[in-house]
N, C-alpha and C. Protein backbone atom coordinates (compact mmCIF):
# COMPACT_ATOMS: atom_id res chain seq x y z
N MET A 1 138.33 -288.83 29.21
CA MET A 1 137.76 -287.67 28.56
C MET A 1 138.75 -286.52 28.38
N PRO A 2 140.05 -286.81 28.29
CA PRO A 2 140.98 -285.71 28.09
C PRO A 2 140.76 -284.98 26.77
N GLU A 3 140.21 -285.65 25.76
CA GLU A 3 139.99 -285.00 24.47
C GLU A 3 138.98 -283.86 24.61
N GLN A 4 137.93 -284.05 25.41
CA GLN A 4 136.94 -282.99 25.60
C GLN A 4 137.55 -281.80 26.33
N THR A 5 138.41 -282.08 27.31
CA THR A 5 139.06 -281.00 28.04
C THR A 5 139.98 -280.22 27.11
N GLU A 6 140.74 -280.91 26.27
CA GLU A 6 141.62 -280.24 25.32
C GLU A 6 140.83 -279.41 24.33
N LEU A 7 139.72 -279.95 23.86
CA LEU A 7 138.86 -279.22 22.92
C LEU A 7 138.27 -277.98 23.59
N ALA A 8 137.81 -278.12 24.82
CA ALA A 8 137.25 -276.98 25.55
C ALA A 8 138.31 -275.89 25.75
N ASP A 9 139.54 -276.31 26.09
CA ASP A 9 140.62 -275.35 26.27
C ASP A 9 140.96 -274.64 24.96
N LEU A 10 140.95 -275.40 23.88
CA LEU A 10 141.23 -274.83 22.56
C LEU A 10 140.16 -273.82 22.17
N VAL A 11 138.90 -274.16 22.38
CA VAL A 11 137.80 -273.24 22.06
C VAL A 11 137.90 -271.98 22.91
N LYS A 12 138.21 -272.13 24.19
CA LYS A 12 138.35 -270.97 25.07
C LYS A 12 139.50 -270.08 24.59
N SER A 13 140.62 -270.69 24.25
CA SER A 13 141.78 -269.94 23.76
C SER A 13 141.46 -269.20 22.46
N LEU A 14 140.79 -269.87 21.55
CA LEU A 14 140.41 -269.24 20.28
C LEU A 14 139.42 -268.09 20.49
N ALA A 15 138.48 -268.28 21.40
CA ALA A 15 137.51 -267.22 21.70
C ALA A 15 138.21 -265.98 22.26
N GLU A 16 139.22 -266.19 23.13
CA GLU A 16 139.97 -265.07 23.68
C GLU A 16 140.76 -264.34 22.59
N ARG A 17 141.35 -265.11 21.68
CA ARG A 17 142.12 -264.51 20.59
C ARG A 17 141.22 -263.73 19.64
N VAL A 18 140.05 -264.27 19.34
CA VAL A 18 139.10 -263.57 18.47
C VAL A 18 138.65 -262.28 19.14
N ARG A 19 138.38 -262.32 20.44
CA ARG A 19 137.96 -261.12 21.18
C ARG A 19 139.05 -260.04 21.09
N GLU A 20 140.31 -260.44 21.27
CA GLU A 20 141.40 -259.48 21.19
C GLU A 20 141.51 -258.89 19.79
N LEU A 21 141.36 -259.71 18.76
CA LEU A 21 141.41 -259.21 17.39
C LEU A 21 140.26 -258.23 17.12
N GLU A 22 139.08 -258.55 17.64
CA GLU A 22 137.94 -257.63 17.48
C GLU A 22 138.20 -256.32 18.21
N ASP A 23 138.81 -256.40 19.40
CA ASP A 23 139.14 -255.18 20.14
C ASP A 23 140.14 -254.33 19.36
N VAL A 24 141.17 -254.96 18.83
CA VAL A 24 142.18 -254.22 18.06
C VAL A 24 141.52 -253.56 16.85
N ARG A 25 140.63 -254.28 16.19
CA ARG A 25 139.94 -253.70 15.03
C ARG A 25 139.11 -252.48 15.44
N GLU A 26 138.40 -252.58 16.55
CA GLU A 26 137.60 -251.45 17.02
C GLU A 26 138.49 -250.27 17.42
N LEU A 27 139.62 -250.56 18.03
CA LEU A 27 140.55 -249.49 18.40
C LEU A 27 141.16 -248.83 17.17
N ASN A 28 141.43 -249.59 16.14
CA ASN A 28 141.91 -249.00 14.88
C ASN A 28 140.84 -248.11 14.27
N ARG A 29 139.61 -248.53 14.34
CA ARG A 29 138.51 -247.68 13.83
C ARG A 29 138.39 -246.40 14.63
N LEU A 30 138.51 -246.51 15.96
CA LEU A 30 138.45 -245.32 16.81
C LEU A 30 139.56 -244.35 16.46
N ARG A 31 140.80 -244.86 16.34
CA ARG A 31 141.95 -244.00 16.04
C ARG A 31 141.77 -243.32 14.69
N ALA A 32 141.16 -244.02 13.72
CA ALA A 32 140.92 -243.45 12.39
C ALA A 32 139.78 -242.44 12.39
N GLU A 33 138.84 -242.60 13.30
CA GLU A 33 137.67 -241.72 13.32
C GLU A 33 138.02 -240.30 13.75
N LEU A 34 138.98 -240.14 14.64
CA LEU A 34 139.32 -238.80 15.10
C LEU A 34 139.81 -237.92 13.94
N PRO A 35 140.83 -238.32 13.17
CA PRO A 35 141.21 -237.47 12.04
C PRO A 35 140.14 -237.38 10.96
N ARG A 36 139.31 -238.42 10.83
CA ARG A 36 138.22 -238.35 9.85
C ARG A 36 137.29 -237.18 10.20
N ARG A 37 136.97 -237.04 11.48
CA ARG A 37 136.09 -235.93 11.88
C ARG A 37 136.77 -234.59 11.68
N ILE A 38 138.06 -234.52 11.97
CA ILE A 38 138.80 -233.27 11.73
C ILE A 38 138.81 -232.96 10.23
N ASN A 39 139.12 -233.95 9.42
CA ASN A 39 139.18 -233.74 7.97
C ASN A 39 137.84 -233.35 7.37
N ASN A 40 136.76 -233.79 8.00
CA ASN A 40 135.42 -233.44 7.51
C ASN A 40 134.87 -232.17 8.15
N GLY A 41 135.70 -231.49 8.95
CA GLY A 41 135.27 -230.25 9.58
C GLY A 41 134.30 -230.46 10.73
N GLN A 42 134.24 -231.65 11.29
CA GLN A 42 133.33 -231.96 12.40
C GLN A 42 134.05 -231.81 13.74
N TRP A 43 134.70 -230.68 13.92
CA TRP A 43 135.49 -230.43 15.13
C TRP A 43 134.64 -230.54 16.38
N ASP A 44 133.38 -230.15 16.31
CA ASP A 44 132.50 -230.18 17.48
C ASP A 44 132.06 -231.59 17.86
N ARG A 45 132.36 -232.59 17.04
CA ARG A 45 131.98 -233.97 17.33
C ARG A 45 133.15 -234.84 17.78
N VAL A 46 134.36 -234.27 17.81
CA VAL A 46 135.53 -235.05 18.21
C VAL A 46 135.41 -235.52 19.67
N GLY A 47 134.85 -234.70 20.54
CA GLY A 47 134.72 -235.05 21.95
C GLY A 47 133.92 -236.30 22.22
N GLU A 48 133.05 -236.69 21.29
CA GLU A 48 132.25 -237.90 21.45
C GLU A 48 133.10 -239.16 21.50
N LEU A 49 134.35 -239.07 21.06
CA LEU A 49 135.24 -240.23 20.99
C LEU A 49 136.01 -240.45 22.29
N PHE A 50 135.76 -239.62 23.31
CA PHE A 50 136.50 -239.66 24.56
C PHE A 50 135.62 -240.14 25.71
N SER A 51 136.27 -240.79 26.68
CA SER A 51 135.56 -241.23 27.88
C SER A 51 135.15 -240.02 28.71
N ARG A 52 134.28 -240.25 29.67
CA ARG A 52 133.79 -239.15 30.51
C ARG A 52 134.92 -238.44 31.26
N THR A 53 135.94 -239.20 31.65
CA THR A 53 137.03 -238.65 32.48
C THR A 53 138.35 -238.55 31.70
N ALA A 54 138.29 -238.47 30.41
CA ALA A 54 139.48 -238.48 29.56
C ALA A 54 140.36 -237.25 29.80
N HIS A 55 141.62 -237.39 29.39
CA HIS A 55 142.59 -236.30 29.43
C HIS A 55 143.20 -236.13 28.05
N LEU A 56 143.37 -234.90 27.66
CA LEU A 56 144.01 -234.55 26.39
C LEU A 56 145.20 -233.68 26.70
N ASP A 57 146.36 -234.06 26.19
CA ASP A 57 147.58 -233.28 26.40
C ASP A 57 148.22 -233.03 25.04
N TYR A 58 147.95 -231.87 24.48
CA TYR A 58 148.54 -231.48 23.20
C TYR A 58 149.71 -230.51 23.42
N ALA A 59 150.43 -230.72 24.53
CA ALA A 59 151.63 -229.95 24.87
C ALA A 59 151.34 -228.45 24.80
N HIS A 60 152.13 -227.71 24.04
CA HIS A 60 151.98 -226.26 23.98
C HIS A 60 150.67 -225.82 23.32
N LEU A 61 149.98 -226.76 22.67
CA LEU A 61 148.69 -226.43 22.04
C LEU A 61 147.54 -226.49 23.03
N GLY A 62 147.79 -226.99 24.24
CA GLY A 62 146.78 -226.98 25.28
C GLY A 62 146.43 -228.35 25.83
N GLN A 63 145.74 -228.33 26.95
CA GLN A 63 145.27 -229.54 27.62
C GLN A 63 143.79 -229.37 27.95
N ALA A 64 143.14 -230.51 28.16
CA ALA A 64 141.74 -230.50 28.57
C ALA A 64 141.46 -231.79 29.33
N ALA A 65 140.54 -231.73 30.29
CA ALA A 65 140.19 -232.90 31.08
C ALA A 65 138.67 -233.05 31.12
N GLY A 66 138.21 -234.25 30.81
CA GLY A 66 136.78 -234.54 30.79
C GLY A 66 136.20 -234.32 29.41
N ARG A 67 135.18 -235.13 29.08
CA ARG A 67 134.58 -235.05 27.74
C ARG A 67 134.06 -233.66 27.39
N PRO A 68 133.34 -232.95 28.29
CA PRO A 68 132.87 -231.62 27.91
C PRO A 68 134.00 -230.65 27.57
N ALA A 69 135.07 -230.67 28.37
CA ALA A 69 136.19 -229.76 28.11
C ALA A 69 136.93 -230.14 26.83
N ILE A 70 137.05 -231.43 26.55
CA ILE A 70 137.71 -231.88 25.31
C ILE A 70 136.86 -231.51 24.10
N THR A 71 135.54 -231.66 24.22
CA THR A 71 134.65 -231.25 23.14
C THR A 71 134.81 -229.76 22.86
N GLU A 72 134.86 -228.96 23.90
CA GLU A 72 135.03 -227.52 23.76
C GLU A 72 136.40 -227.19 23.15
N TYR A 73 137.43 -227.91 23.59
CA TYR A 73 138.78 -227.68 23.07
C TYR A 73 138.82 -227.87 21.55
N PHE A 74 138.31 -229.01 21.08
CA PHE A 74 138.36 -229.27 19.63
C PHE A 74 137.46 -228.33 18.85
N ALA A 75 136.31 -227.99 19.38
CA ALA A 75 135.41 -227.06 18.68
C ALA A 75 136.07 -225.70 18.51
N ALA A 76 136.91 -225.30 19.47
CA ALA A 76 137.58 -223.99 19.41
C ALA A 76 138.92 -224.04 18.67
N LEU A 77 139.44 -225.24 18.39
CA LEU A 77 140.78 -225.36 17.82
C LEU A 77 140.96 -224.67 16.46
N PRO A 78 140.02 -224.78 15.53
CA PRO A 78 140.22 -224.06 14.26
C PRO A 78 140.39 -222.56 14.46
N GLY A 79 139.63 -221.99 15.37
CA GLY A 79 139.77 -220.56 15.65
C GLY A 79 141.12 -220.22 16.25
N ARG A 80 141.63 -221.10 17.12
CA ARG A 80 142.95 -220.87 17.72
C ARG A 80 144.05 -220.98 16.67
N ILE A 81 143.90 -221.93 15.75
CA ILE A 81 144.88 -222.07 14.67
C ILE A 81 144.85 -220.82 13.78
N GLN A 82 143.66 -220.32 13.54
CA GLN A 82 143.49 -219.19 12.63
C GLN A 82 143.97 -217.88 13.23
N GLN A 83 144.21 -217.85 14.53
CA GLN A 83 144.71 -216.62 15.15
C GLN A 83 146.04 -216.20 14.52
N ASP A 84 146.79 -217.17 14.01
CA ASP A 84 148.06 -216.85 13.36
C ASP A 84 147.86 -216.16 12.01
N LYS A 85 146.73 -216.41 11.37
CA LYS A 85 146.44 -215.84 10.06
C LYS A 85 144.99 -215.36 10.03
N PRO A 86 144.66 -214.32 10.79
CA PRO A 86 143.26 -213.86 10.83
C PRO A 86 142.74 -213.48 9.45
N GLY A 87 141.49 -213.80 9.21
CA GLY A 87 140.84 -213.47 7.96
C GLY A 87 141.13 -214.44 6.83
N SER A 88 141.98 -215.44 7.08
CA SER A 88 142.30 -216.42 6.04
C SER A 88 141.36 -217.62 6.15
N ALA A 89 141.11 -218.22 5.02
CA ALA A 89 140.38 -219.49 5.04
C ALA A 89 141.33 -220.56 5.57
N LEU A 90 140.81 -221.50 6.31
CA LEU A 90 141.64 -222.54 6.94
C LEU A 90 141.21 -223.91 6.45
N LEU A 91 142.19 -224.74 6.14
CA LEU A 91 141.95 -226.13 5.77
C LEU A 91 142.95 -226.97 6.54
N VAL A 92 142.45 -227.97 7.28
CA VAL A 92 143.32 -228.88 8.03
C VAL A 92 142.99 -230.30 7.60
N LYS A 93 144.01 -231.04 7.20
CA LYS A 93 143.85 -232.46 6.84
C LYS A 93 144.92 -233.25 7.58
N GLN A 94 144.47 -234.25 8.33
CA GLN A 94 145.37 -235.05 9.15
C GLN A 94 145.34 -236.50 8.68
N PHE A 95 146.53 -237.12 8.66
CA PHE A 95 146.65 -238.50 8.19
C PHE A 95 147.43 -239.29 9.24
N VAL A 96 146.79 -240.30 9.80
CA VAL A 96 147.38 -241.10 10.87
C VAL A 96 147.76 -242.47 10.30
N HIS A 97 148.91 -242.97 10.73
CA HIS A 97 149.37 -244.27 10.25
C HIS A 97 150.23 -244.95 11.31
N GLY A 98 150.52 -246.22 11.07
CA GLY A 98 151.39 -246.97 11.96
C GLY A 98 150.81 -247.21 13.34
N HIS A 99 149.49 -247.36 13.43
CA HIS A 99 148.84 -247.54 14.73
C HIS A 99 149.18 -248.92 15.30
N ASP A 100 149.79 -248.94 16.47
CA ASP A 100 150.18 -250.17 17.15
C ASP A 100 149.45 -250.21 18.49
N VAL A 101 148.72 -251.29 18.74
CA VAL A 101 147.83 -251.38 19.90
C VAL A 101 148.17 -252.58 20.76
N GLU A 102 148.07 -252.39 22.08
CA GLU A 102 148.19 -253.48 23.05
C GLU A 102 146.94 -253.46 23.91
N VAL A 103 146.21 -254.58 23.93
CA VAL A 103 144.95 -254.68 24.67
C VAL A 103 145.18 -255.46 25.95
N SER A 104 144.57 -254.99 27.04
CA SER A 104 144.62 -255.68 28.31
C SER A 104 143.25 -255.54 28.98
N GLY A 105 142.38 -256.53 28.74
CA GLY A 105 141.03 -256.47 29.31
C GLY A 105 140.23 -255.32 28.75
N ASP A 106 139.76 -254.43 29.64
CA ASP A 106 138.96 -253.27 29.22
C ASP A 106 139.79 -252.01 29.06
N GLY A 107 141.11 -252.19 28.97
CA GLY A 107 142.01 -251.08 28.74
C GLY A 107 142.96 -251.41 27.60
N ALA A 108 143.55 -250.40 27.03
CA ALA A 108 144.51 -250.62 25.94
C ALA A 108 145.38 -249.38 25.81
N THR A 109 146.52 -249.58 25.14
CA THR A 109 147.39 -248.46 24.82
C THR A 109 147.70 -248.52 23.33
N GLY A 110 148.06 -247.39 22.78
CA GLY A 110 148.38 -247.35 21.36
C GLY A 110 149.34 -246.22 21.05
N VAL A 111 150.11 -246.42 20.01
CA VAL A 111 151.00 -245.39 19.49
C VAL A 111 150.74 -245.30 18.00
N SER A 112 150.66 -244.09 17.50
CA SER A 112 150.50 -243.88 16.06
C SER A 112 151.25 -242.62 15.66
N PHE A 113 151.52 -242.52 14.39
CA PHE A 113 152.23 -241.38 13.84
C PHE A 113 151.27 -240.59 12.96
N PHE A 114 151.53 -239.30 12.82
CA PHE A 114 150.63 -238.52 11.97
C PHE A 114 151.40 -237.49 11.16
N GLU A 115 150.80 -237.17 10.04
CA GLU A 115 151.21 -236.05 9.21
C GLU A 115 149.97 -235.19 9.03
N GLU A 116 150.18 -233.91 8.96
CA GLU A 116 149.04 -233.00 8.86
C GLU A 116 149.43 -231.85 7.95
N ARG A 117 148.48 -231.40 7.17
CA ARG A 117 148.67 -230.20 6.36
C ARG A 117 147.70 -229.15 6.88
N VAL A 118 148.26 -228.00 7.19
CA VAL A 118 147.45 -226.85 7.60
C VAL A 118 147.62 -225.83 6.50
N VAL A 119 146.51 -225.48 5.86
CA VAL A 119 146.56 -224.61 4.69
C VAL A 119 145.73 -223.35 4.96
N PHE A 120 146.37 -222.21 4.76
CA PHE A 120 145.69 -220.92 4.79
C PHE A 120 145.55 -220.45 3.34
N ASP A 121 145.01 -219.27 3.13
CA ASP A 121 144.83 -218.76 1.76
C ASP A 121 146.12 -218.76 0.96
N ASP A 122 147.20 -218.26 1.58
CA ASP A 122 148.42 -218.03 0.81
C ASP A 122 149.64 -218.80 1.32
N GLU A 123 149.48 -219.68 2.27
CA GLU A 123 150.61 -220.48 2.73
C GLU A 123 150.10 -221.75 3.41
N SER A 124 151.02 -222.70 3.55
CA SER A 124 150.64 -223.95 4.22
C SER A 124 151.82 -224.43 5.05
N ALA A 125 151.51 -225.35 5.96
CA ALA A 125 152.54 -225.90 6.83
C ALA A 125 152.41 -227.41 6.87
N MET A 126 153.56 -228.06 7.07
CA MET A 126 153.60 -229.50 7.26
C MET A 126 153.81 -229.74 8.76
N VAL A 127 153.02 -230.63 9.30
CA VAL A 127 153.09 -230.95 10.72
C VAL A 127 153.28 -232.46 10.82
N ALA A 128 154.10 -232.89 11.76
CA ALA A 128 154.28 -234.33 11.96
C ALA A 128 154.53 -234.59 13.44
N GLY A 129 154.14 -235.79 13.88
CA GLY A 129 154.36 -236.16 15.26
C GLY A 129 153.85 -237.55 15.56
N ARG A 130 153.71 -237.80 16.86
CA ARG A 130 153.28 -239.11 17.33
C ARG A 130 152.22 -238.92 18.41
N PHE A 131 151.25 -239.80 18.40
CA PHE A 131 150.23 -239.84 19.45
C PHE A 131 150.49 -241.04 20.35
N HIS A 132 150.43 -240.80 21.65
CA HIS A 132 150.45 -241.86 22.66
C HIS A 132 149.04 -241.91 23.24
N ASP A 133 148.33 -242.98 22.99
CA ASP A 133 146.93 -243.09 23.40
C ASP A 133 146.74 -244.13 24.50
N THR A 134 145.77 -243.87 25.34
CA THR A 134 145.26 -244.85 26.29
C THR A 134 143.77 -244.94 26.03
N TYR A 135 143.25 -246.16 26.03
CA TYR A 135 141.85 -246.40 25.71
C TYR A 135 141.17 -247.11 26.87
N VAL A 136 139.86 -246.95 26.94
CA VAL A 136 139.08 -247.65 27.93
C VAL A 136 137.77 -248.10 27.29
N ARG A 137 137.30 -249.27 27.70
CA ARG A 137 135.98 -249.71 27.24
C ARG A 137 134.98 -249.16 28.26
N GLU A 138 134.13 -248.27 27.78
CA GLU A 138 133.15 -247.61 28.64
C GLU A 138 131.76 -247.87 28.08
N ASP A 139 130.90 -248.44 28.88
CA ASP A 139 129.55 -248.77 28.43
C ASP A 139 129.58 -249.64 27.17
N GLY A 140 130.55 -250.59 27.13
CA GLY A 140 130.65 -251.54 26.02
C GLY A 140 131.29 -250.98 24.75
N ARG A 141 131.84 -249.78 24.81
CA ARG A 141 132.39 -249.11 23.63
C ARG A 141 133.80 -248.61 23.93
N TRP A 142 134.73 -248.80 23.00
CA TRP A 142 136.08 -248.30 23.17
C TRP A 142 136.10 -246.79 22.94
N LEU A 143 136.78 -246.08 23.85
CA LEU A 143 136.92 -244.63 23.77
C LEU A 143 138.34 -244.24 24.17
N PHE A 144 138.75 -243.06 23.78
CA PHE A 144 140.03 -242.53 24.26
C PHE A 144 139.89 -242.18 25.73
N SER A 145 140.86 -242.58 26.54
CA SER A 145 140.89 -242.10 27.92
C SER A 145 142.03 -241.10 28.11
N ARG A 146 142.98 -241.12 27.19
CA ARG A 146 144.07 -240.14 27.22
C ARG A 146 144.75 -240.10 25.85
N ILE A 147 145.07 -238.89 25.41
CA ILE A 147 145.90 -238.70 24.22
C ILE A 147 146.99 -237.72 24.60
N GLU A 148 148.23 -238.10 24.30
CA GLU A 148 149.37 -237.21 24.47
C GLU A 148 150.01 -237.03 23.10
N LEU A 149 150.25 -235.79 22.75
CA LEU A 149 150.86 -235.44 21.47
C LEU A 149 152.35 -235.20 21.67
N ASP A 150 153.14 -235.84 20.84
CA ASP A 150 154.58 -235.61 20.78
C ASP A 150 154.84 -235.00 19.41
N LEU A 151 154.95 -233.69 19.36
CA LEU A 151 155.08 -232.97 18.10
C LEU A 151 156.52 -233.02 17.62
N TYR A 152 156.73 -233.48 16.38
CA TYR A 152 158.07 -233.52 15.80
C TYR A 152 158.44 -232.19 15.18
N TRP A 153 157.54 -231.66 14.32
CA TRP A 153 157.82 -230.38 13.68
C TRP A 153 156.56 -229.76 13.09
N VAL A 154 156.66 -228.45 12.92
CA VAL A 154 155.71 -227.65 12.15
C VAL A 154 156.57 -226.80 11.24
N LEU A 155 156.50 -227.07 9.94
CA LEU A 155 157.36 -226.37 8.98
C LEU A 155 156.54 -225.71 7.89
N PRO A 156 156.86 -224.48 7.55
CA PRO A 156 156.22 -223.89 6.37
C PRO A 156 156.49 -224.78 5.17
N HIS A 157 155.48 -225.04 4.37
CA HIS A 157 155.60 -225.98 3.26
C HIS A 157 156.72 -225.60 2.30
N HIS A 158 156.91 -224.32 2.04
CA HIS A 158 157.93 -223.91 1.08
C HIS A 158 159.35 -224.18 1.59
N GLU A 159 159.54 -224.35 2.90
CA GLU A 159 160.87 -224.68 3.43
C GLU A 159 161.13 -226.17 3.37
N GLY A 160 160.10 -226.96 3.54
CA GLY A 160 160.24 -228.40 3.48
C GLY A 160 161.19 -228.94 4.53
N LEU A 161 161.69 -230.12 4.28
CA LEU A 161 162.58 -230.80 5.21
C LEU A 161 164.01 -230.81 4.71
N VAL A 162 164.34 -229.85 3.87
CA VAL A 162 165.66 -229.82 3.25
C VAL A 162 166.68 -229.27 4.24
N ARG A 163 167.81 -229.94 4.32
CA ARG A 163 168.93 -229.44 5.11
C ARG A 163 170.02 -229.03 4.14
N LYS A 164 170.71 -228.00 4.48
CA LYS A 164 171.81 -227.56 3.60
C LYS A 164 172.95 -228.56 3.71
N ALA A 165 173.48 -228.91 2.57
CA ALA A 165 174.62 -229.83 2.53
C ALA A 165 175.85 -229.09 3.03
N PRO A 166 176.71 -229.80 3.74
CA PRO A 166 177.94 -229.14 4.19
C PRO A 166 178.79 -228.74 3.00
N SER A 167 179.47 -227.60 3.15
CA SER A 167 180.32 -227.16 2.05
C SER A 167 181.53 -228.10 1.95
N VAL A 168 181.93 -228.31 0.71
CA VAL A 168 183.07 -229.20 0.44
C VAL A 168 184.29 -228.33 0.18
N LYS A 169 185.32 -228.58 0.95
CA LYS A 169 186.56 -227.82 0.76
C LYS A 169 187.49 -228.65 -0.12
N GLY A 170 188.01 -228.05 -1.14
CA GLY A 170 188.78 -228.81 -2.10
C GLY A 170 190.21 -228.51 -2.20
């Protein structure tokens, strides 16, 4: 009966691979949902994507621990951004790409890159960086357990990414 054993092993292996692919798909959806909520102005709903004991580390932009504190952090973030330009209308659009995920049981890690446009009435800025994420399956659902922001730059849009060319001596 070695054929039945081989078939059972093959089915088990395929089931594990399908489970991992489904997990990666769910994690990609989770990673996409966070900027979707920001882009739709649902700042007060971002905290729903985090585990009960999650940690958020946005470097100089602040930290928060636990779902309630993270919910409060994101709900207050537009106001904190607007402190630089009081009285201006604010528009934030974030675009995440290059999400790479590694799953290990009920935990996972991920890295993704982002570009963001922050627009006030009369000026805008380009923002770029990388997210280092840790995920946990909590109550059968994938959630963020930690996000760390590695900010590359925040540049006024009119300055762009142009570097001055070195002068040529002739």
